[in-house]
Protein backbone atom coordinates (compact mmCIF):
# COMPACT_ATOMS: atom_id res chain seq x y z
CA MET A 1 58.14 -27.82 27.30
CA SER A 2 56.99 -25.07 29.39
CA ALA A 3 53.82 -23.07 29.09
CA GLY A 4 55.75 -20.07 27.72
CA GLN A 5 57.32 -22.15 24.99
CA ILE A 6 53.96 -23.61 24.04
CA ALA A 7 52.48 -20.10 23.89
CA VAL A 8 55.32 -18.96 21.63
CA LEU A 9 54.88 -22.05 19.43
CA VAL A 10 51.10 -21.45 19.15
CA ALA A 11 51.63 -17.75 18.46
CA THR A 12 54.19 -18.57 15.76
CA ALA A 13 51.88 -21.11 14.13
CA LEU A 14 48.98 -18.68 14.34
CA GLY A 15 51.13 -15.88 12.88
CA THR A 16 52.22 -18.16 10.04
CA VAL A 17 48.58 -19.06 9.24
CA VAL A 18 47.58 -15.38 9.32
CA ALA A 19 50.52 -14.48 7.06
CA LEU A 20 49.54 -17.22 4.60
CA VAL A 21 45.91 -16.03 4.57
CA LEU A 22 47.00 -12.43 4.01
CA LEU A 23 49.42 -13.51 1.27
CA SER A 24 46.61 -15.43 -0.39
CA ALA A 25 44.35 -12.34 -0.14
CA VAL A 26 47.06 -10.12 -1.65
CA VAL A 27 47.58 -12.56 -4.54
CA SER A 28 43.84 -12.73 -5.15
CA LEU A 29 43.50 -8.93 -4.98
CA ARG A 30 46.40 -8.48 -7.39
CA ARG A 31 44.81 -10.94 -9.85
CA GLN A 32 41.49 -9.08 -9.62
CA THR A 33 43.27 -5.74 -10.09
CA ARG A 34 44.94 -7.00 -13.28
CA LEU A 35 41.60 -8.32 -14.51
CA LEU A 36 39.95 -4.95 -13.78
CA ALA A 37 42.76 -3.13 -15.60
CA ALA A 38 42.28 -5.39 -18.65
CA ILE A 39 38.51 -4.78 -18.58
CA ALA A 40 39.11 -1.02 -18.32
CA CYS A 41 41.48 -1.09 -21.31
CA ASP A 42 39.00 -3.14 -23.31
CA LEU A 43 36.20 -0.76 -22.35
CA GLU A 44 38.30 2.22 -23.35
CA ASP A 45 39.12 0.59 -26.70
CA ARG A 46 35.44 -0.08 -27.36
CA THR A 47 34.03 3.25 -26.14
CA GLY A 48 36.69 5.48 -27.73
CA PRO A 49 35.26 5.16 -31.25
CA LEU A 50 31.72 5.48 -29.91
CA ILE A 51 32.60 8.73 -28.17
CA ASP A 52 34.27 10.00 -31.34
CA ASP A 53 31.13 9.11 -33.33
CA ALA A 54 28.95 10.84 -30.75
CA ARG A 55 31.05 14.01 -31.01
CA ARG A 56 30.92 13.89 -34.80
CA LEU A 57 27.14 13.41 -34.75
CA ALA A 58 26.74 16.26 -32.29
CA ASP A 59 28.77 18.52 -34.57
CA GLU A 60 26.67 17.49 -37.58
CA ALA A 61 23.48 18.10 -35.61
CA SER A 62 24.74 21.54 -34.67
CA VAL A 63 25.39 22.36 -38.33
CA GLU A 64 21.93 21.06 -39.29
CA MET A 65 20.32 23.12 -36.53
CA GLU A 66 22.00 26.23 -37.92
CA ARG A 67 20.63 25.37 -41.37
CA VAL A 68 17.15 24.82 -39.97
CA GLY A 69 17.40 28.16 -38.18
CA ALA A 70 18.35 29.85 -41.45
CA VAL A 71 15.45 28.14 -43.25
CA LEU A 72 13.03 29.25 -40.53
CA ASP A 73 14.30 32.81 -40.78
CA SER A 74 13.82 32.74 -44.56
CA THR A 75 10.37 31.23 -44.14
CA GLU A 76 9.37 33.96 -41.72
CA ALA A 77 10.60 36.60 -44.15
CA VAL A 78 8.64 35.02 -47.04
CA HIS A 79 5.56 34.74 -44.83
CA ALA A 80 5.79 38.42 -43.94
CA THR A 81 6.20 39.36 -47.61
CA VAL A 82 3.26 37.23 -48.73
CA ASP A 83 1.13 38.58 -45.90
CA SER A 84 1.84 42.18 -46.85
CA ALA A 85 1.29 41.39 -50.55
CA SER A 86 -2.06 39.75 -49.82
CA ARG A 87 -3.14 42.76 -47.76
CA LEU A 88 -2.11 45.07 -50.58
CA ALA A 89 -3.98 42.94 -53.15
CA TYR A 90 -7.07 42.91 -50.94
CA ARG A 91 -6.97 46.69 -50.61
CA ALA A 92 -6.37 47.12 -54.34
CA PHE A 93 -9.07 44.74 -55.60
CA ALA A 94 -11.77 44.74 -52.91
CA ASN A 95 -13.33 48.10 -53.82
CA PRO A 96 -13.37 47.57 -57.64
CA VAL A 97 -14.80 44.06 -57.26
CA VAL A 98 -17.59 45.36 -55.04
CA LYS A 99 -18.32 48.08 -57.58
CA VAL A 100 -18.43 45.58 -60.47
CA LEU A 101 -20.82 43.35 -58.53
CA ALA A 102 -23.01 46.33 -57.70
CA VAL A 103 -23.10 47.43 -61.34
CA ARG A 104 -23.94 43.89 -62.42
CA ALA A 105 -26.77 43.63 -59.91
CA GLY A 106 -28.07 47.05 -60.93
CA ALA A 107 -27.87 46.16 -64.61
CA ALA A 108 -29.72 42.91 -64.03
CA THR A 109 -32.44 44.66 -62.10
CA GLY A 110 -32.73 47.36 -64.76
CA LEU A 111 -32.83 44.78 -67.55
CA ARG A 112 -35.52 42.83 -65.76
CA ARG A 113 -37.62 45.93 -65.26
CA LEU A 114 -37.19 46.98 -68.86
CA THR A 115 -38.15 43.62 -70.29
CA GLY A 116 -40.64 42.71 -67.65
CA SER A 117 -39.64 39.03 -67.43
CA GLU A 118 -37.20 36.96 -65.48
CA GLU A 119 -36.57 34.65 -68.45
CA THR A 120 -34.66 37.31 -70.35
CA VAL A 121 -32.50 37.97 -67.35
CA ALA A 122 -31.86 34.24 -66.85
CA ARG A 123 -30.90 33.82 -70.54
CA ASN A 124 -28.32 36.56 -70.17
CA GLY A 125 -26.75 34.59 -67.33
CA ILE A 126 -27.67 37.02 -64.61
CA PRO A 127 -30.33 35.38 -62.46
CA VAL A 128 -31.95 37.90 -60.16
CA PRO A 129 -34.86 36.87 -57.92
CA ASP A 130 -38.05 38.84 -58.12
CA PRO A 131 -38.37 40.88 -54.93
CA GLY A 132 -42.15 40.55 -54.97
CA ARG A 133 -42.10 36.74 -54.76
CA GLY A 134 -41.92 34.71 -51.60
CA GLU A 135 -38.57 33.11 -50.80
CA ARG A 136 -39.82 29.57 -50.18
CA THR A 137 -42.87 29.10 -52.35
CA GLY A 138 -41.95 31.18 -55.38
CA LYS A 139 -45.55 32.51 -55.48
CA ARG A 140 -46.91 36.00 -54.96
């Protein structure tokens, strides 16, 4: 055998080995591709219902948020009504209440001066301190 024939024989053997390695790689890649496709199908089967549930829950949450918004609007309207009603009641009753308290204090003072004693005033349920007495000691 000549050197050229040996080179061809080595090249052929080397080419055959490379072809076998590449064929093995292709078979392995094809197996992995099928496995990946099966995993993707399984993942799709499992996540499909979860995605549907998530969409349904998002729709329900949207409806609930609209209800909450309506409740907040109603609450704000009630708050405004109660606020205006309380202002109106304050304006309506503040002046007469002050007048009644002033008349009561005046009547108590007049009664005390007429009777000359604090005991009579206290028995009538209208305790009025004597302005001539000291605040802390109760003595003149």
